[in-house]
Amino acid sequence: MKNNRFRKLGRIYIPRSWQWRIITIIFFVFCIHIFLFIDSKSHSVSDTFYGIFPYIIPAFLVYLWIGREKSKK
């Protein structure tokens, strides 16, 4: 069974199908939303970093894991 839904480009994975492109767009909208929400309530750069870290880093790790698993042949 072919499982090539992502293409590896360096260290990142590019989606090949339109369904995964929509999921990728939703992922980036989620990250931007979290950043803007946390940044509006923080007082410094370190507050922003510590606020977004628990949300964005696990989201990126899950996205990279999905990309790695779905790009295997």
PDB file of N, CA and C in Angstrom:
ATOM      1  N   MET A   1       0.841  -1.180   0.000  1.00  0.00           N
ATOM      2  CA  MET A   1       0.000   0.000   0.000  1.00  0.00           C
ATOM      3  C   MET A   1       0.885   1.241   0.000  1.00  0.00           C
ATOM      4  N   LYS A   2       0.617   2.139  -0.932  1.00  0.00           N
ATOM      5  CA  LYS A   2       1.383   3.383  -0.974  1.00  0.00           C
ATOM      6  C   LYS A   2       0.909   4.311   0.128  1.00  0.00           C
ATOM      7  N   ASN A   3       1.860   4.946   0.751  1.00  0.00           N
ATOM      8  CA  ASN A   3       1.545   5.832   1.865  1.00  0.00           C
ATOM      9  C   ASN A   3       2.254   7.163   1.682  1.00  0.00           C
ATOM     10  N   ASN A   4       2.431   7.611   0.445  1.00  0.00           N
ATOM     11  CA  ASN A   4       3.203   8.806   0.151  1.00  0.00           C
ATOM     12  C   ASN A   4       2.306  10.039   0.140  1.00  0.00           C
ATOM     13  N   ARG A   5       1.869  10.471   1.286  1.00  0.00           N
ATOM     14  CA  ARG A   5       1.035  11.661   1.368  1.00  0.00           C
ATOM     15  C   ARG A   5       1.849  12.918   1.615  1.00  0.00           C
ATOM     16  N   PHE A   6       3.113  12.751   1.964  1.00  0.00           N
ATOM     17  CA  PHE A   6       4.023  13.866   2.205  1.00  0.00           C
ATOM     18  C   PHE A   6       5.298  13.633   1.411  1.00  0.00           C
ATOM     19  N   ARG A   7       5.960  14.716   1.059  1.00  0.00           N
ATOM     20  CA  ARG A   7       7.240  14.681   0.363  1.00  0.00           C
ATOM     21  C   ARG A   7       8.260  15.361   1.257  1.00  0.00           C
ATOM     22  N   LYS A   8       9.396  14.729   1.437  1.00  0.00           N
ATOM     23  CA  LYS A   8      10.430  15.302   2.299  1.00  0.00           C
ATOM     24  C   LYS A   8      11.234  16.322   1.508  1.00  0.00           C
ATOM     25  N   LEU A   9      11.404  17.500   2.108  1.00  0.00           N
ATOM     26  CA  LEU A   9      12.194  18.572   1.507  1.00  0.00           C
ATOM     27  C   LEU A   9      13.132  19.092   2.587  1.00  0.00           C
ATOM     28  N   GLY A  10      14.334  18.542   2.620  1.00  0.00           N
ATOM     29  CA  GLY A  10      15.263  18.894   3.691  1.00  0.00           C
ATOM     30  C   GLY A  10      14.801  18.263   4.990  1.00  0.00           C
ATOM     31  N   ARG A  11      14.508  19.102   5.965  1.00  0.00           N
ATOM     32  CA  ARG A  11      14.036  18.598   7.259  1.00  0.00           C
ATOM     33  C   ARG A  11      12.533  18.755   7.436  1.00  0.00           C
ATOM     34  N   ILE A  12      11.853  19.323   6.446  1.00  0.00           N
ATOM     35  CA  ILE A  12      10.408  19.515   6.557  1.00  0.00           C
ATOM     36  C   ILE A  12       9.687  18.587   5.591  1.00  0.00           C
ATOM     37  N   TYR A  13       8.394  18.471   5.767  1.00  0.00           N
ATOM     38  CA  TYR A  13       7.568  17.611   4.931  1.00  0.00           C
ATOM     39  C   TYR A  13       6.489  18.459   4.264  1.00  0.00           C
ATOM     40  N   ILE A  14       6.364  18.302   2.950  1.00  0.00           N
ATOM     41  CA  ILE A  14       5.399  19.047   2.154  1.00  0.00           C
ATOM     42  C   ILE A  14       4.250  18.103   1.803  1.00  0.00           C
ATOM     43  N   PRO A  15       2.995  18.495   2.095  1.00  0.00           N
ATOM     44  CA  PRO A  15       1.875  17.618   1.756  1.00  0.00           C
ATOM     45  C   PRO A  15       1.657  17.543   0.254  1.00  0.00           C
ATOM     46  N   ARG A  16       1.242  16.376  -0.216  1.00  0.00           N
ATOM     47  CA  ARG A  16       0.994  16.176  -1.642  1.00  0.00           C
ATOM     48  C   ARG A  16      -0.484  16.273  -1.982  1.00  0.00           C
ATOM     49  N   SER A  17      -1.367  15.859  -1.114  1.00  0.00           N
ATOM     50  CA  SER A  17      -2.798  15.878  -1.421  1.00  0.00           C
ATOM     51  C   SER A  17      -3.447  17.143  -0.865  1.00  0.00           C
ATOM     52  N   TRP A  18      -4.579  17.506  -1.431  1.00  0.00           N
ATOM     53  CA  TRP A  18      -5.256  18.722  -1.003  1.00  0.00           C
ATOM     54  C   TRP A  18      -5.817  18.573   0.412  1.00  0.00           C
ATOM     55  N   GLN A  19      -6.136  17.367   0.833  1.00  0.00           N
ATOM     56  CA  GLN A  19      -6.656  17.163   2.191  1.00  0.00           C
ATOM     57  C   GLN A  19      -5.579  17.484   3.229  1.00  0.00           C
ATOM     58  N   TRP A  20      -4.365  17.038   2.972  1.00  0.00           N
ATOM     59  CA  TRP A  20      -3.279  17.309   3.920  1.00  0.00           C
ATOM     60  C   TRP A  20      -2.830  18.752   3.853  1.00  0.00           C
ATOM     61  N   ARG A  21      -3.014  19.409   2.706  1.00  0.00           N
ATOM     62  CA  ARG A  21      -2.723  20.844   2.629  1.00  0.00           C
ATOM     63  C   ARG A  21      -3.682  21.636   3.495  1.00  0.00           C
ATOM     64  N   ILE A  22      -4.946  21.249   3.513  1.00  0.00           N
ATOM     65  CA  ILE A  22      -5.925  21.921   4.382  1.00  0.00           C
ATOM     66  C   ILE A  22      -5.570  21.701   5.849  1.00  0.00           C
ATOM     67  N   ILE A  23      -5.168  20.488   6.198  1.00  0.00           N
ATOM     68  CA  ILE A  23      -4.763  20.206   7.583  1.00  0.00           C
ATOM     69  C   ILE A  23      -3.528  21.024   7.947  1.00  0.00           C
ATOM     70  N   THR A  24      -2.596  21.189   7.011  1.00  0.00           N
ATOM     71  CA  THR A  24      -1.400  22.000   7.248  1.00  0.00           C
ATOM     72  C   THR A  24      -1.771  23.461   7.466  1.00  0.00           C
ATOM     73  N   ILE A  25      -2.692  23.978   6.680  1.00  0.00           N
ATOM     74  CA  ILE A  25      -3.152  25.363   6.855  1.00  0.00           C
ATOM     75  C   ILE A  25      -3.815  25.529   8.217  1.00  0.00           C
ATOM     76  N   ILE A  26      -4.642  24.566   8.619  1.00  0.00           N
ATOM     77  CA  ILE A  26      -5.283  24.619   9.933  1.00  0.00           C
ATOM     78  C   ILE A  26      -4.226  24.591  11.040  1.00  0.00           C
ATOM     79  N   PHE A  27      -3.193  23.787  10.860  1.00  0.00           N
ATOM     80  CA  PHE A  27      -2.104  23.717  11.833  1.00  0.00           C
ATOM     81  C   PHE A  27      -1.423  25.075  11.996  1.00  0.00           C
ATOM     82  N   PHE A  28      -1.097  25.732  10.865  1.00  0.00           N
ATOM     83  CA  PHE A  28      -0.431  27.036  10.955  1.00  0.00           C
ATOM     84  C   PHE A  28      -1.366  28.112  11.507  1.00  0.00           C
ATOM     85  N   VAL A  29      -2.647  28.045  11.193  1.00  0.00           N
ATOM     86  CA  VAL A  29      -3.605  28.993  11.772  1.00  0.00           C
ATOM     87  C   VAL A  29      -3.691  28.796  13.279  1.00  0.00           C
ATOM     88  N   PHE A  30      -3.666  27.544  13.739  1.00  0.00           N
ATOM     89  CA  PHE A  30      -3.657  27.260  15.167  1.00  0.00           C
ATOM     90  C   PHE A  30      -2.431  27.880  15.843  1.00  0.00           C
ATOM     91  N   CYS A  31      -1.253  27.699  15.233  1.00  0.00           N
ATOM     92  CA  CYS A  31      -0.022  28.244  15.811  1.00  0.00           C
ATOM     93  C   CYS A  31      -0.045  29.767  15.865  1.00  0.00           C
ATOM     94  N   ILE A  32      -0.534  30.395  14.811  1.00  0.00           N
ATOM     95  CA  ILE A  32      -0.625  31.863  14.793  1.00  0.00           C
ATOM     96  C   ILE A  32      -1.632  32.340  15.829  1.00  0.00           C
ATOM     97  N   HIS A  33      -2.752  31.646  15.944  1.00  0.00           N
ATOM     98  CA  HIS A  33      -3.765  32.024  16.938  1.00  0.00           C
ATOM     99  C   HIS A  33      -3.213  31.926  18.360  1.00  0.00           C
ATOM    100  N   ILE A  34      -2.534  30.843  18.668  1.00  0.00           N
ATOM    101  CA  ILE A  34      -1.945  30.679  20.000  1.00  0.00           C
ATOM    102  C   ILE A  34      -0.927  31.782  20.263  1.00  0.00           C
ATOM    103  N   PHE A  35      -0.073  32.069  19.282  1.00  0.00           N
ATOM    104  CA  PHE A  35       0.931  33.118  19.464  1.00  0.00           C
ATOM    105  C   PHE A  35       0.276  34.467  19.734  1.00  0.00           C
ATOM    106  N   LEU A  36      -0.725  34.846  18.948  1.00  0.00           N
ATOM    107  CA  LEU A  36      -1.368  36.148  19.132  1.00  0.00           C
ATOM    108  C   LEU A  36      -2.101  36.234  20.463  1.00  0.00           C
ATOM    109  N   PHE A  37      -2.753  35.151  20.868  1.00  0.00           N
ATOM    110  CA  PHE A  37      -3.472  35.156  22.143  1.00  0.00           C
ATOM    111  C   PHE A  37      -2.512  35.280  23.327  1.00  0.00           C
ATOM    112  N   ILE A  38      -1.466  34.485  23.322  1.00  0.00           N
ATOM    113  CA  ILE A  38      -0.499  34.522  24.427  1.00  0.00           C
ATOM    114  C   ILE A  38       0.247  35.855  24.429  1.00  0.00           C
ATOM    115  N   ASP A  39       0.617  36.348  23.249  1.00  0.00           N
ATOM    116  CA  ASP A  39       1.380  37.592  23.156  1.00  0.00           C
ATOM    117  C   ASP A  39       0.562  38.792  23.626  1.00  0.00           C
ATOM    118  N   SER A  40      -0.748  38.759  23.450  1.00  0.00           N
ATOM    119  CA  SER A  40      -1.575  39.890  23.893  1.00  0.00           C
ATOM    120  C   SER A  40      -1.651  39.983  25.421  1.00  0.00           C
ATOM    121  N   LYS A  41      -1.398  38.882  26.106  1.00  0.00           N
ATOM    122  CA  LYS A  41      -1.490  38.876  27.571  1.00  0.00           C
ATOM    123  C   LYS A  41      -0.130  38.879  28.268  1.00  0.00           C
ATOM    124  N   SER A  42       0.960  38.784  27.491  1.00  0.00           N
ATOM    125  CA  SER A  42       2.279  38.712  28.120  1.00  0.00           C
ATOM    126  C   SER A  42       2.908  40.097  28.215  1.00  0.00           C
ATOM    127  N   HIS A  43       3.894  40.195  29.094  1.00  0.00           N
ATOM    128  CA  HIS A  43       4.565  41.469  29.357  1.00  0.00           C
ATOM    129  C   HIS A  43       5.965  41.530  28.764  1.00  0.00           C
ATOM    130  N   SER A  44       6.497  40.399  28.356  1.00  0.00           N
ATOM    131  CA  SER A  44       7.852  40.386  27.814  1.00  0.00           C
ATOM    132  C   SER A  44       7.982  39.245  26.806  1.00  0.00           C
ATOM    133  N   VAL A  45       9.125  39.226  26.154  1.00  0.00           N
ATOM    134  CA  VAL A  45       9.383  38.169  25.175  1.00  0.00           C
ATOM    135  C   VAL A  45       9.451  36.808  25.856  1.00  0.00           C
ATOM    136  N   SER A  46      10.037  36.768  27.033  1.00  0.00           N
ATOM    137  CA  SER A  46      10.136  35.490  27.733  1.00  0.00           C
ATOM    138  C   SER A  46       8.767  34.987  28.172  1.00  0.00           C
ATOM    139  N   ASP A  47       7.855  35.882  28.548  1.00  0.00           N
ATOM    140  CA  ASP A  47       6.486  35.470  28.870  1.00  0.00           C
ATOM    141  C   ASP A  47       5.823  34.837  27.650  1.00  0.00           C
ATOM    142  N   THR A  48       6.035  35.444  26.494  1.00  0.00           N
ATOM    143  CA  THR A  48       5.454  34.907  25.264  1.00  0.00           C
ATOM    144  C   THR A  48       6.042  33.537  24.958  1.00  0.00           C
ATOM    145  N   PHE A  49       7.356  33.418  25.060  1.00  0.00           N
ATOM    146  CA  PHE A  49       7.999  32.135  24.780  1.00  0.00           C
ATOM    147  C   PHE A  49       7.497  31.045  25.718  1.00  0.00           C
ATOM    148  N   TYR A  50       7.480  31.334  27.007  1.00  0.00           N
ATOM    149  CA  TYR A  50       7.013  30.327  27.967  1.00  0.00           C
ATOM    150  C   TYR A  50       5.533  30.025  27.806  1.00  0.00           C
ATOM    151  N   GLY A  51       4.763  30.974  27.298  1.00  0.00           N
ATOM    152  CA  GLY A  51       3.342  30.741  27.080  1.00  0.00           C
ATOM    153  C   GLY A  51       3.045  29.886  25.867  1.00  0.00           C
ATOM    154  N   ILE A  52       3.788  30.100  24.772  1.00  0.00           N
ATOM    155  CA  ILE A  52       3.498  29.345  23.549  1.00  0.00           C
ATOM    156  C   ILE A  52       4.202  28.000  23.508  1.00  0.00           C
ATOM    157  N   PHE A  53       5.250  27.841  24.275  1.00  0.00           N
ATOM    158  CA  PHE A  53       6.038  26.605  24.245  1.00  0.00           C
ATOM    159  C   PHE A  53       5.200  25.345  24.457  1.00  0.00           C
ATOM    160  N   PRO A  54       4.309  25.299  25.470  1.00  0.00           N
ATOM    161  CA  PRO A  54       3.567  24.042  25.688  1.00  0.00           C
ATOM    162  C   PRO A  54       2.560  23.712  24.583  1.00  0.00           C
ATOM    163  N   TYR A  55       2.240  24.656  23.716  1.00  0.00           N
ATOM    164  CA  TYR A  55       1.280  24.411  22.652  1.00  0.00           C
ATOM    165  C   TYR A  55       1.948  24.176  21.303  1.00  0.00           C
ATOM    166  N   ILE A  56       2.884  25.028  20.946  1.00  0.00           N
ATOM    167  CA  ILE A  56       3.423  25.008  19.591  1.00  0.00           C
ATOM    168  C   ILE A  56       4.472  23.907  19.405  1.00  0.00           C
ATOM    169  N   ILE A  57       5.329  23.684  20.363  1.00  0.00           N
ATOM    170  CA  ILE A  57       6.359  22.652  20.207  1.00  0.00           C
ATOM    171  C   ILE A  57       5.739  21.258  20.078  1.00  0.00           C
ATOM    172  N   PRO A  58       4.795  20.859  20.931  1.00  0.00           N
ATOM    173  CA  PRO A  58       4.168  19.541  20.713  1.00  0.00           C
ATOM    174  C   PRO A  58       3.403  19.466  19.394  1.00  0.00           C
ATOM    175  N   ALA A  59       2.781  20.568  18.976  1.00  0.00           N
ATOM    176  CA  ALA A  59       2.063  20.561  17.699  1.00  0.00           C
ATOM    177  C   ALA A  59       3.036  20.337  16.544  1.00  0.00           C
ATOM    178  N   PHE A  60       4.202  21.011  16.564  1.00  0.00           N
ATOM    179  CA  PHE A  60       5.203  20.804  15.523  1.00  0.00           C
ATOM    180  C   PHE A  60       5.739  19.378  15.556  1.00  0.00           C
ATOM    181  N   LEU A  61       5.962  18.827  16.733  1.00  0.00           N
ATOM    182  CA  LEU A  61       6.463  17.461  16.826  1.00  0.00           C
ATOM    183  C   LEU A  61       5.460  16.458  16.270  1.00  0.00           C
ATOM    184  N   VAL A  62       4.190  16.653  16.559  1.00  0.00           N
ATOM    185  CA  VAL A  62       3.155  15.765  16.020  1.00  0.00           C
ATOM    186  C   VAL A  62       3.084  15.904  14.508  1.00  0.00           C
ATOM    187  N   TYR A  63       3.165  17.137  14.001  1.00  0.00           N
ATOM    188  CA  TYR A  63       3.119  17.357  12.556  1.00  0.00           C
ATOM    189  C   TYR A  63       4.319  16.697  11.869  1.00  0.00           C
ATOM    190  N   LEU A  64       5.516  16.829  12.447  1.00  0.00           N
ATOM    191  CA  LEU A  64       6.691  16.182  11.873  1.00  0.00           C
ATOM    192  C   LEU A  64       6.593  14.664  11.939  1.00  0.00           C
ATOM    193  N   TRP A  65       6.041  14.150  13.011  1.00  0.00           N
ATOM    194  CA  TRP A  65       5.864  12.706  13.149  1.00  0.00           C
ATOM    195  C   TRP A  65       4.888  12.182  12.095  1.00  0.00           C
ATOM    196  N   ILE A  66       3.773  12.886  11.908  1.00  0.00           N
ATOM    197  CA  ILE A  66       2.806  12.482  10.883  1.00  0.00           C
ATOM    198  C   ILE A  66       3.452  12.547   9.507  1.00  0.00           C
ATOM    199  N   GLY A  67       4.183  13.623   9.228  1.00  0.00           N
ATOM    200  CA  GLY A  67       4.855  13.745   7.944  1.00  0.00           C
ATOM    201  C   GLY A  67       5.857  12.638   7.699  1.00  0.00           C
ATOM    202  N   ARG A  68       6.612  12.270   8.732  1.00  0.00           N
ATOM    203  CA  ARG A  68       7.592  11.197   8.587  1.00  0.00           C
ATOM    204  C   ARG A  68       6.907   9.845   8.336  1.00  0.00           C
ATOM    205  N   GLU A  69       5.835   9.581   9.076  1.00  0.00           N
ATOM    206  CA  GLU A  69       5.142   8.303   8.927  1.00  0.00           C
ATOM    207  C   GLU A  69       4.401   8.202   7.583  1.00  0.00           C
ATOM    208  N   LYS A  70       3.835   9.299   7.145  1.00  0.00           N
ATOM    209  CA  LYS A  70       3.057   9.278   5.900  1.00  0.00           C
ATOM    210  C   LYS A  70       3.914   9.414   4.651  1.00  0.00           C
ATOM    211  N   SER A  71       5.217   9.679   4.796  1.00  0.00           N
ATOM    212  CA  SER A  71       6.076   9.778   3.636  1.00  0.00           C
ATOM    213  C   SER A  71       6.900   8.521   3.402  1.00  0.00           C
ATOM    214  N   LYS A  72       6.783   7.537   4.284  1.00  0.00           N
ATOM    215  CA  LYS A  72       7.522   6.283   4.106  1.00  0.00           C
ATOM    216  C   LYS A  72       6.952   5.494   2.933  1.00  0.00           C
ATOM    217  N   LYS A  73       7.838   4.787   2.285  1.00  0.00           N
ATOM    218  CA  LYS A  73       7.404   3.969   1.132  1.00  0.00           C
ATOM    219  C   LYS A  73       7.277   2.521   1.518  1.00  0.00           C
TER     220      LYS A  73
END
